Protein backbone atom coordinates (compact mmCIF):
# COMPACT_ATOMS: atom_id res chain seq x y z
CA UNK A 1 0.00 0.00 0.00
CA UNK A 2 1.24 3.50 -0.81
CA UNK A 3 2.41 5.35 2.27
CA UNK A 4 2.52 9.14 1.79
CA UNK A 5 5.63 10.93 2.99
CA UNK A 6 3.68 13.72 4.58
CA UNK A 7 1.16 12.97 7.31
CA UNK A 8 -1.57 15.24 8.62
CA UNK A 9 0.76 16.36 11.43
CA UNK A 10 3.41 17.23 8.87
CA UNK A 11 0.89 19.16 6.79
CA UNK A 12 -0.08 21.19 9.85
CA UNK A 13 3.60 21.77 10.58
CA UNK A 14 4.11 22.97 7.01
CA UNK A 15 1.10 25.30 7.31
CA UNK A 16 2.49 26.75 10.54
CA UNK A 17 5.91 27.07 8.94
CA UNK A 18 4.29 28.83 6.00
CA UNK A 19 2.79 31.42 8.30
CA UNK A 20 6.21 31.89 9.89
CA UNK A 21 7.71 32.21 6.43
CA UNK A 22 5.22 34.91 5.50
CA UNK A 23 6.25 36.87 8.58
CA UNK A 24 9.93 36.29 7.87
CA UNK A 25 9.69 37.30 4.22
CA UNK A 26 7.83 40.53 4.81
CA UNK A 27 9.70 43.48 3.30
CA UNK A 28 12.98 44.06 5.08
CA UNK A 29 15.93 46.35 4.56
CA UNK A 30 18.23 43.39 3.91
CA UNK A 31 18.64 43.80 0.17
CA UNK A 32 19.60 47.45 0.39
CA UNK A 33 18.27 50.66 1.74
CA UNK A 34 15.76 52.51 -0.39
CA UNK A 35 17.20 55.95 0.01
CA UNK A 36 19.54 57.48 -2.56
CA UNK A 37 22.70 56.59 -0.62
CA UNK A 38 24.82 55.85 -3.68
CA UNK A 39 26.50 52.89 -1.96
CA UNK A 40 26.38 49.98 -4.35
CA UNK A 41 28.44 46.81 -4.69
CA UNK A 42 27.15 44.70 -7.55
CA UNK A 43 29.94 42.13 -7.19
CA UNK A 44 28.98 41.48 -3.56
CA UNK A 45 25.32 41.14 -4.54
CA UNK A 46 26.14 38.72 -7.36
CA UNK A 47 28.30 36.63 -5.01
CA UNK A 48 25.42 36.56 -2.49
CA UNK A 49 23.02 35.39 -5.23
CA UNK A 50 25.33 32.47 -6.04
CA UNK A 51 25.50 31.60 -2.33
CA UNK A 52 21.70 31.63 -2.14
CA UNK A 53 21.59 29.24 -5.13
CA UNK A 54 24.07 26.90 -3.44
CA UNK A 55 21.91 26.81 -0.31
CA UNK A 56 18.82 26.07 -2.41
CA UNK A 57 20.65 23.19 -4.09
CA UNK A 58 21.76 21.77 -0.74
CA UNK A 59 18.18 21.99 0.56
CA UNK A 60 16.90 20.13 -2.51
CA UNK A 61 19.52 17.40 -2.12
CA UNK A 62 18.72 16.98 1.58
CA UNK A 63 14.99 16.89 0.86
CA UNK A 64 15.51 14.22 -1.79
CA UNK A 65 17.43 12.09 0.74
CA UNK A 66 14.39 12.20 3.04
CA UNK A 67 11.85 10.98 0.48
CA UNK A 68 10.24 7.76 1.64
CA UNK A 69 11.10 8.27 5.30
CA UNK A 70 7.99 8.68 7.40
CA UNK A 71 9.40 9.08 10.91
CA UNK A 72 8.72 12.34 12.71
CA UNK A 73 12.37 13.45 12.71
CA UNK A 74 12.66 13.02 8.94
CA UNK A 75 9.39 14.84 8.34
CA UNK A 76 10.51 17.71 10.57
CA UNK A 77 13.81 17.93 8.71
CA UNK A 78 11.95 17.86 5.38
CA UNK A 79 9.86 20.83 6.50
CA UNK A 80 12.93 22.72 7.71
CA UNK A 81 14.75 22.17 4.41
CA UNK A 82 11.61 23.30 2.56
CA UNK A 83 11.53 26.51 4.58
CA UNK A 84 15.24 27.08 3.98
CA UNK A 85 14.79 26.63 0.23
CA UNK A 86 11.84 29.04 0.23
CA UNK A 87 13.70 31.69 2.23
CA UNK A 88 16.75 31.67 -0.01
CA UNK A 89 14.70 31.75 -3.22
CA UNK A 90 12.68 34.65 -1.77
CA UNK A 91 15.90 36.48 -0.93
CA UNK A 92 17.04 36.18 -4.55
CA UNK A 93 13.74 37.68 -5.67
CA UNK A 94 14.03 40.47 -3.10
CA UNK A 95 17.61 41.32 -4.05
CA UNK A 96 16.75 41.28 -7.74
CA UNK A 97 13.68 43.47 -7.35
CA UNK A 98 14.70 45.86 -4.56
CA UNK A 99 18.39 46.25 -5.30
CA UNK A 100 18.87 45.73 -9.02
CA UNK A 101 15.52 46.64 -10.59
CA UNK A 102 14.37 49.36 -8.20
CA UNK A 103 17.74 51.04 -7.72
CA UNK A 104 20.26 50.10 -10.37
CA UNK A 105 18.31 49.64 -13.61
CA UNK A 106 17.44 53.12 -14.82
CA UNK A 107 14.48 53.68 -17.17
CA UNK A 108 15.32 54.45 -20.78
CA UNK A 109 12.95 56.22 -23.18
CA UNK A 110 11.60 54.20 -26.13
CA UNK A 111 13.26 56.52 -28.63
CA UNK A 112 16.67 56.23 -26.94
CA UNK A 113 19.39 54.21 -28.72
CA UNK A 114 19.89 52.19 -25.52
CA UNK A 115 16.23 51.14 -25.20
CA UNK A 116 16.94 47.67 -26.60
CA UNK A 117 19.72 47.17 -24.01
CA UNK A 118 17.31 48.33 -21.32
CA UNK A 119 14.69 45.78 -22.38
CA UNK A 120 17.33 43.06 -22.46
CA UNK A 121 18.44 44.01 -18.94
CA UNK A 122 14.84 43.88 -17.70
CA UNK A 123 14.34 40.48 -19.34
CA UNK A 124 17.51 39.06 -17.71
CA UNK A 125 16.40 40.21 -14.26
CA UNK A 126 12.89 38.88 -14.85
CA UNK A 127 14.38 35.55 -15.92
CA UNK A 128 16.33 35.43 -12.64
CA UNK A 129 13.21 36.09 -10.59
CA UNK A 130 11.32 33.38 -12.50
CA UNK A 131 14.18 30.91 -11.98
CA UNK A 132 14.12 31.62 -8.24
CA UNK A 133 10.36 31.11 -8.17
CA UNK A 134 10.69 27.84 -10.11
CA UNK A 135 13.28 26.62 -7.59
CA UNK A 136 10.62 26.98 -4.91
CA UNK A 137 8.32 24.66 -6.84
CA UNK A 138 10.60 21.66 -7.18
CA UNK A 139 13.33 19.53 -5.68
CA UNK A 140 14.84 18.93 -9.12
CA UNK A 141 18.36 20.36 -8.96
CA UNK A 142 18.10 21.15 -12.67
CA UNK A 143 16.17 24.21 -11.49
CA UNK A 144 19.32 25.36 -9.67
CA UNK A 145 21.35 25.09 -12.88
CA UNK A 146 18.81 27.36 -14.57
CA UNK A 147 18.97 29.67 -11.54
CA UNK A 148 22.78 29.87 -11.75
CA UNK A 149 22.55 30.49 -15.50
CA UNK A 150 20.16 33.38 -14.81
CA UNK A 151 22.52 34.81 -12.18
CA UNK A 152 25.32 34.52 -14.72
CA UNK A 153 23.13 36.42 -17.19
CA UNK A 154 22.78 39.44 -14.92
CA UNK A 155 26.41 39.13 -13.86
CA UNK A 156 27.39 40.11 -17.40
CA UNK A 157 25.24 43.24 -17.06
CA UNK A 158 26.92 44.34 -13.83
CA UNK A 159 30.39 42.86 -14.30
CA UNK A 160 30.90 43.00 -18.08
CA UNK A 161 34.55 41.90 -17.83
CA UNK A 162 33.67 38.82 -15.73
CA UNK A 163 34.93 35.54 -17.17
CA UNK A 164 33.04 32.44 -16.09
């Protein structure tokens, strides 16, 4: 007989963890301040994005190791790794939207010669946010490869001389 990995108790734990996650992912000043301070370090932000991706990948791997285990300890660990994965993917989205898009990407008029570059930059950042969201929806580490590729895409915007 099929024995589901997640029991009712685990589902309630996940629901409670979800409420905690909502509180923890409320807007914070972590990504960067939203005043015109002029203090920017794109290389540090890019490095942090890669670290977030590595944590997401570790969480996925640990979750996959727990599949099929139905003891309480394993279920608790599964929930904790799920929360960790969610938090780090959310942080990528926050950094991308609040630091890069809101502060670093400057609007360009449609008739400007650089409008095409502007649209490309927006698309690369949107792709990164989508890849982070997709990494929340799976434990397939292929999603992390796509996430790293998207980080690499914006890295070329902010560090054009970067070799990878």
